[in-house]
Amino acid sequence: MARYEARIDVSHLPGILDPQGATVERALPALGYTNVTQVSVGKSIRLVVEAENEGAARTQVEEMCHRLLANPVIEAFDISLSELVG
């Protein structure tokens, strides 16, 4: 068995309102950042999974995302895997 570190970045689907992002975008000019647009707030999840190979690890993490970690109706996710050595 190998160990893989998974990083999952979850973001809103295009067209879905992002109230946190909108609040940050409205607040930034008051702090002097007038050149910032299209602010989006998401979440990042990191975990370690043991699996036979990278494909098996990815399949398991994708299943976790569909079942619990992301809401597929309003969110998209991107998975990055790296094998842990040692």
N, C-alpha and C. Protein backbone atom coordinates (compact mmCIF):
# COMPACT_ATOMS: atom_id res chain seq x y z
N MET A 1 0.84 -1.19 0.00
CA MET A 1 0.00 0.00 0.00
C MET A 1 0.88 1.25 0.00
N ALA A 2 0.46 2.22 -0.76
CA ALA A 2 1.14 3.51 -0.80
C ALA A 2 0.27 4.55 -0.10
N ARG A 3 0.89 5.62 0.33
CA ARG A 3 0.16 6.72 0.97
C ARG A 3 0.20 7.93 0.03
N TYR A 4 -0.94 8.53 -0.14
CA TYR A 4 -1.07 9.69 -1.03
C TYR A 4 -1.68 10.86 -0.27
N GLU A 5 -1.06 12.02 -0.43
CA GLU A 5 -1.65 13.23 0.11
C GLU A 5 -2.56 13.81 -0.96
N ALA A 6 -3.79 14.06 -0.58
CA ALA A 6 -4.76 14.64 -1.51
C ALA A 6 -5.05 16.07 -1.08
N ARG A 7 -5.07 16.95 -2.05
CA ARG A 7 -5.49 18.34 -1.83
C ARG A 7 -6.70 18.56 -2.70
N ILE A 8 -7.79 18.93 -2.08
CA ILE A 8 -9.04 19.15 -2.79
C ILE A 8 -9.39 20.63 -2.68
N ASP A 9 -9.52 21.30 -3.81
CA ASP A 9 -9.94 22.70 -3.84
C ASP A 9 -11.39 22.73 -4.32
N VAL A 10 -12.26 23.29 -3.49
CA VAL A 10 -13.68 23.35 -3.78
C VAL A 10 -14.05 24.80 -4.06
N SER A 11 -14.76 25.03 -5.16
CA SER A 11 -15.17 26.38 -5.53
C SER A 11 -16.61 26.35 -6.04
N HIS A 12 -17.21 27.53 -6.12
CA HIS A 12 -18.57 27.62 -6.64
C HIS A 12 -18.58 27.38 -8.15
N LEU A 13 -19.64 26.76 -8.63
CA LEU A 13 -19.83 26.61 -10.07
C LEU A 13 -20.09 27.99 -10.69
N PRO A 14 -19.76 28.17 -11.95
CA PRO A 14 -20.07 29.44 -12.62
C PRO A 14 -21.56 29.75 -12.51
N GLY A 15 -21.87 31.01 -12.21
CA GLY A 15 -23.26 31.43 -12.12
C GLY A 15 -23.86 31.28 -10.73
N ILE A 16 -23.15 30.63 -9.82
CA ILE A 16 -23.65 30.47 -8.45
C ILE A 16 -23.16 31.66 -7.62
N LEU A 17 -24.07 32.27 -6.87
CA LEU A 17 -23.70 33.41 -6.04
C LEU A 17 -22.66 33.01 -5.00
N ASP A 18 -21.73 33.91 -4.76
CA ASP A 18 -20.67 33.71 -3.77
C ASP A 18 -20.71 34.91 -2.81
N PRO A 19 -21.57 34.86 -1.79
CA PRO A 19 -21.71 36.03 -0.91
C PRO A 19 -20.42 36.39 -0.16
N GLN A 20 -19.62 35.41 0.21
CA GLN A 20 -18.36 35.71 0.89
C GLN A 20 -17.40 36.44 -0.06
N GLY A 21 -17.30 35.94 -1.27
CA GLY A 21 -16.44 36.59 -2.25
C GLY A 21 -16.89 38.02 -2.53
N ALA A 22 -18.21 38.22 -2.64
CA ALA A 22 -18.74 39.56 -2.90
C ALA A 22 -18.42 40.50 -1.74
N THR A 23 -18.54 40.02 -0.51
CA THR A 23 -18.24 40.84 0.67
C THR A 23 -16.77 41.25 0.68
N VAL A 24 -15.88 40.30 0.41
CA VAL A 24 -14.45 40.61 0.36
C VAL A 24 -14.16 41.61 -0.74
N GLU A 25 -14.76 41.40 -1.91
CA GLU A 25 -14.52 42.30 -3.04
C GLU A 25 -14.97 43.73 -2.73
N ARG A 26 -16.10 43.88 -2.02
CA ARG A 26 -16.57 45.21 -1.66
C ARG A 26 -15.68 45.86 -0.60
N ALA A 27 -15.06 45.06 0.27
CA ALA A 27 -14.25 45.60 1.37
C ALA A 27 -12.84 45.98 0.93
N LEU A 28 -12.29 45.34 -0.07
CA LEU A 28 -10.90 45.58 -0.46
C LEU A 28 -10.59 47.03 -0.85
N PRO A 29 -11.46 47.73 -1.59
CA PRO A 29 -11.15 49.13 -1.93
C PRO A 29 -10.96 50.02 -0.70
N ALA A 30 -11.69 49.76 0.37
CA ALA A 30 -11.53 50.55 1.60
C ALA A 30 -10.14 50.36 2.21
N LEU A 31 -9.48 49.27 1.86
CA LEU A 31 -8.13 49.01 2.35
C LEU A 31 -7.07 49.45 1.35
N GLY A 32 -7.51 50.08 0.28
CA GLY A 32 -6.57 50.59 -0.71
C GLY A 32 -6.33 49.68 -1.90
N TYR A 33 -7.01 48.56 -1.94
CA TYR A 33 -6.84 47.60 -3.05
C TYR A 33 -7.95 47.82 -4.07
N THR A 34 -7.75 48.80 -4.92
CA THR A 34 -8.80 49.16 -5.88
C THR A 34 -8.67 48.43 -7.21
N ASN A 35 -7.63 47.62 -7.36
CA ASN A 35 -7.38 46.93 -8.62
C ASN A 35 -7.74 45.46 -8.58
N VAL A 36 -8.59 45.04 -7.63
CA VAL A 36 -8.94 43.63 -7.46
C VAL A 36 -10.40 43.41 -7.87
N THR A 37 -10.64 42.39 -8.69
CA THR A 37 -12.00 42.05 -9.11
C THR A 37 -12.16 40.52 -9.09
N GLN A 38 -13.36 40.08 -9.26
CA GLN A 38 -13.70 38.66 -9.41
C GLN A 38 -13.20 37.82 -8.23
N VAL A 39 -13.44 38.32 -7.01
CA VAL A 39 -13.03 37.59 -5.81
C VAL A 39 -13.94 36.39 -5.61
N SER A 40 -13.34 35.27 -5.33
CA SER A 40 -14.08 34.04 -5.06
C SER A 40 -13.53 33.39 -3.81
N VAL A 41 -14.41 32.96 -2.93
CA VAL A 41 -13.99 32.29 -1.71
C VAL A 41 -14.44 30.83 -1.79
N GLY A 42 -13.51 29.93 -1.58
CA GLY A 42 -13.82 28.50 -1.61
C GLY A 42 -13.25 27.84 -0.38
N LYS A 43 -12.99 26.56 -0.48
CA LYS A 43 -12.37 25.85 0.63
C LYS A 43 -11.33 24.87 0.09
N SER A 44 -10.37 24.58 0.95
CA SER A 44 -9.31 23.65 0.61
C SER A 44 -9.28 22.56 1.67
N ILE A 45 -9.25 21.32 1.21
CA ILE A 45 -9.25 20.16 2.12
C ILE A 45 -8.02 19.33 1.81
N ARG A 46 -7.32 18.93 2.85
CA ARG A 46 -6.15 18.06 2.68
C ARG A 46 -6.36 16.81 3.52
N LEU A 47 -5.97 15.68 2.94
CA LEU A 47 -6.07 14.42 3.65
C LEU A 47 -5.06 13.44 3.10
N VAL A 48 -4.79 12.38 3.85
CA VAL A 48 -3.88 11.32 3.41
C VAL A 48 -4.70 10.04 3.31
N VAL A 49 -4.54 9.35 2.19
CA VAL A 49 -5.27 8.10 1.95
C VAL A 49 -4.27 7.01 1.57
N GLU A 50 -4.48 5.83 2.08
CA GLU A 50 -3.69 4.66 1.69
C GLU A 50 -4.43 3.92 0.60
N ALA A 51 -3.71 3.58 -0.46
CA ALA A 51 -4.34 2.88 -1.58
C ALA A 51 -3.30 2.07 -2.34
N GLU A 52 -3.77 1.16 -3.16
CA GLU A 52 -2.87 0.30 -3.94
C GLU A 52 -2.05 1.10 -4.95
N ASN A 53 -2.69 2.14 -5.54
CA ASN A 53 -2.00 2.97 -6.54
C ASN A 53 -2.69 4.32 -6.62
N GLU A 54 -2.13 5.20 -7.43
CA GLU A 54 -2.67 6.56 -7.53
C GLU A 54 -4.10 6.56 -8.08
N GLY A 55 -4.37 5.69 -9.03
CA GLY A 55 -5.71 5.63 -9.60
C GLY A 55 -6.76 5.25 -8.56
N ALA A 56 -6.43 4.28 -7.72
CA ALA A 56 -7.35 3.86 -6.66
C ALA A 56 -7.54 4.99 -5.64
N ALA A 57 -6.46 5.69 -5.33
CA ALA A 57 -6.56 6.81 -4.39
C ALA A 57 -7.45 7.90 -4.97
N ARG A 58 -7.25 8.24 -6.24
CA ARG A 58 -8.06 9.28 -6.88
C ARG A 58 -9.54 8.89 -6.91
N THR A 59 -9.81 7.65 -7.24
CA THR A 59 -11.20 7.19 -7.27
C THR A 59 -11.86 7.34 -5.91
N GLN A 60 -11.14 6.96 -4.86
CA GLN A 60 -11.68 7.06 -3.50
C GLN A 60 -11.92 8.52 -3.11
N VAL A 61 -10.98 9.40 -3.42
CA VAL A 61 -11.13 10.82 -3.07
C VAL A 61 -12.27 11.44 -3.87
N GLU A 62 -12.39 11.10 -5.14
CA GLU A 62 -13.52 11.61 -5.94
C GLU A 62 -14.85 11.19 -5.33
N GLU A 63 -14.93 9.95 -4.88
CA GLU A 63 -16.15 9.47 -4.24
C GLU A 63 -16.45 10.27 -2.97
N MET A 64 -15.40 10.54 -2.19
CA MET A 64 -15.58 11.36 -0.97
C MET A 64 -16.13 12.73 -1.32
N CYS A 65 -15.61 13.31 -2.39
CA CYS A 65 -16.07 14.64 -2.81
C CYS A 65 -17.54 14.62 -3.20
N HIS A 66 -17.92 13.63 -3.98
CA HIS A 66 -19.32 13.53 -4.42
C HIS A 66 -20.26 13.24 -3.26
N ARG A 67 -19.80 12.49 -2.27
CA ARG A 67 -20.68 12.08 -1.17
C ARG A 67 -20.69 13.04 0.01
N LEU A 68 -19.59 13.78 0.24
CA LEU A 68 -19.51 14.57 1.46
C LEU A 68 -18.79 15.91 1.32
N LEU A 69 -17.64 15.93 0.68
CA LEU A 69 -16.75 17.09 0.75
C LEU A 69 -17.20 18.27 -0.11
N ALA A 70 -17.97 18.04 -1.14
CA ALA A 70 -18.45 19.11 -2.01
C ALA A 70 -19.92 18.87 -2.32
N ASN A 71 -20.63 19.96 -2.57
CA ASN A 71 -22.02 19.87 -2.98
C ASN A 71 -22.06 19.99 -4.50
N PRO A 72 -22.24 18.87 -5.21
CA PRO A 72 -22.14 18.90 -6.68
C PRO A 72 -23.19 19.77 -7.37
N VAL A 73 -24.23 20.18 -6.64
CA VAL A 73 -25.25 21.04 -7.23
C VAL A 73 -24.72 22.46 -7.42
N ILE A 74 -23.87 22.93 -6.48
CA ILE A 74 -23.40 24.32 -6.54
C ILE A 74 -21.88 24.46 -6.52
N GLU A 75 -21.15 23.35 -6.35
CA GLU A 75 -19.71 23.43 -6.21
C GLU A 75 -18.98 22.51 -7.19
N ALA A 76 -17.79 22.93 -7.59
CA ALA A 76 -16.88 22.11 -8.38
C ALA A 76 -15.67 21.81 -7.50
N PHE A 77 -14.95 20.74 -7.83
CA PHE A 77 -13.75 20.43 -7.05
C PHE A 77 -12.63 19.99 -7.98
N ASP A 78 -11.41 20.24 -7.50
CA ASP A 78 -10.21 19.85 -8.22
C ASP A 78 -9.33 19.10 -7.25
N ILE A 79 -8.84 17.93 -7.66
CA ILE A 79 -8.04 17.06 -6.80
C ILE A 79 -6.60 17.02 -7.29
N SER A 80 -5.66 17.23 -6.36
CA SER A 80 -4.24 17.05 -6.63
C SER A 80 -3.74 15.95 -5.70
N LEU A 81 -3.03 14.97 -6.26
CA LEU A 81 -2.49 13.87 -5.46
C LEU A 81 -0.98 13.87 -5.56
N SER A 82 -0.33 13.53 -4.45
CA SER A 82 1.10 13.31 -4.48
C SER A 82 1.42 12.16 -3.53
N GLU A 83 2.29 11.27 -3.99
CA GLU A 83 2.65 10.11 -3.19
C GLU A 83 3.61 10.54 -2.08
N LEU A 84 3.35 10.07 -0.88
CA LEU A 84 4.20 10.35 0.26
C LEU A 84 5.29 9.29 0.31
N VAL A 85 6.51 9.72 0.47
CA VAL A 85 7.64 8.80 0.52
C VAL A 85 8.12 8.71 1.97
N GLY A 86 8.39 7.48 2.38
CA GLY A 86 8.94 7.29 3.72
C GLY A 86 8.01 6.86 4.75
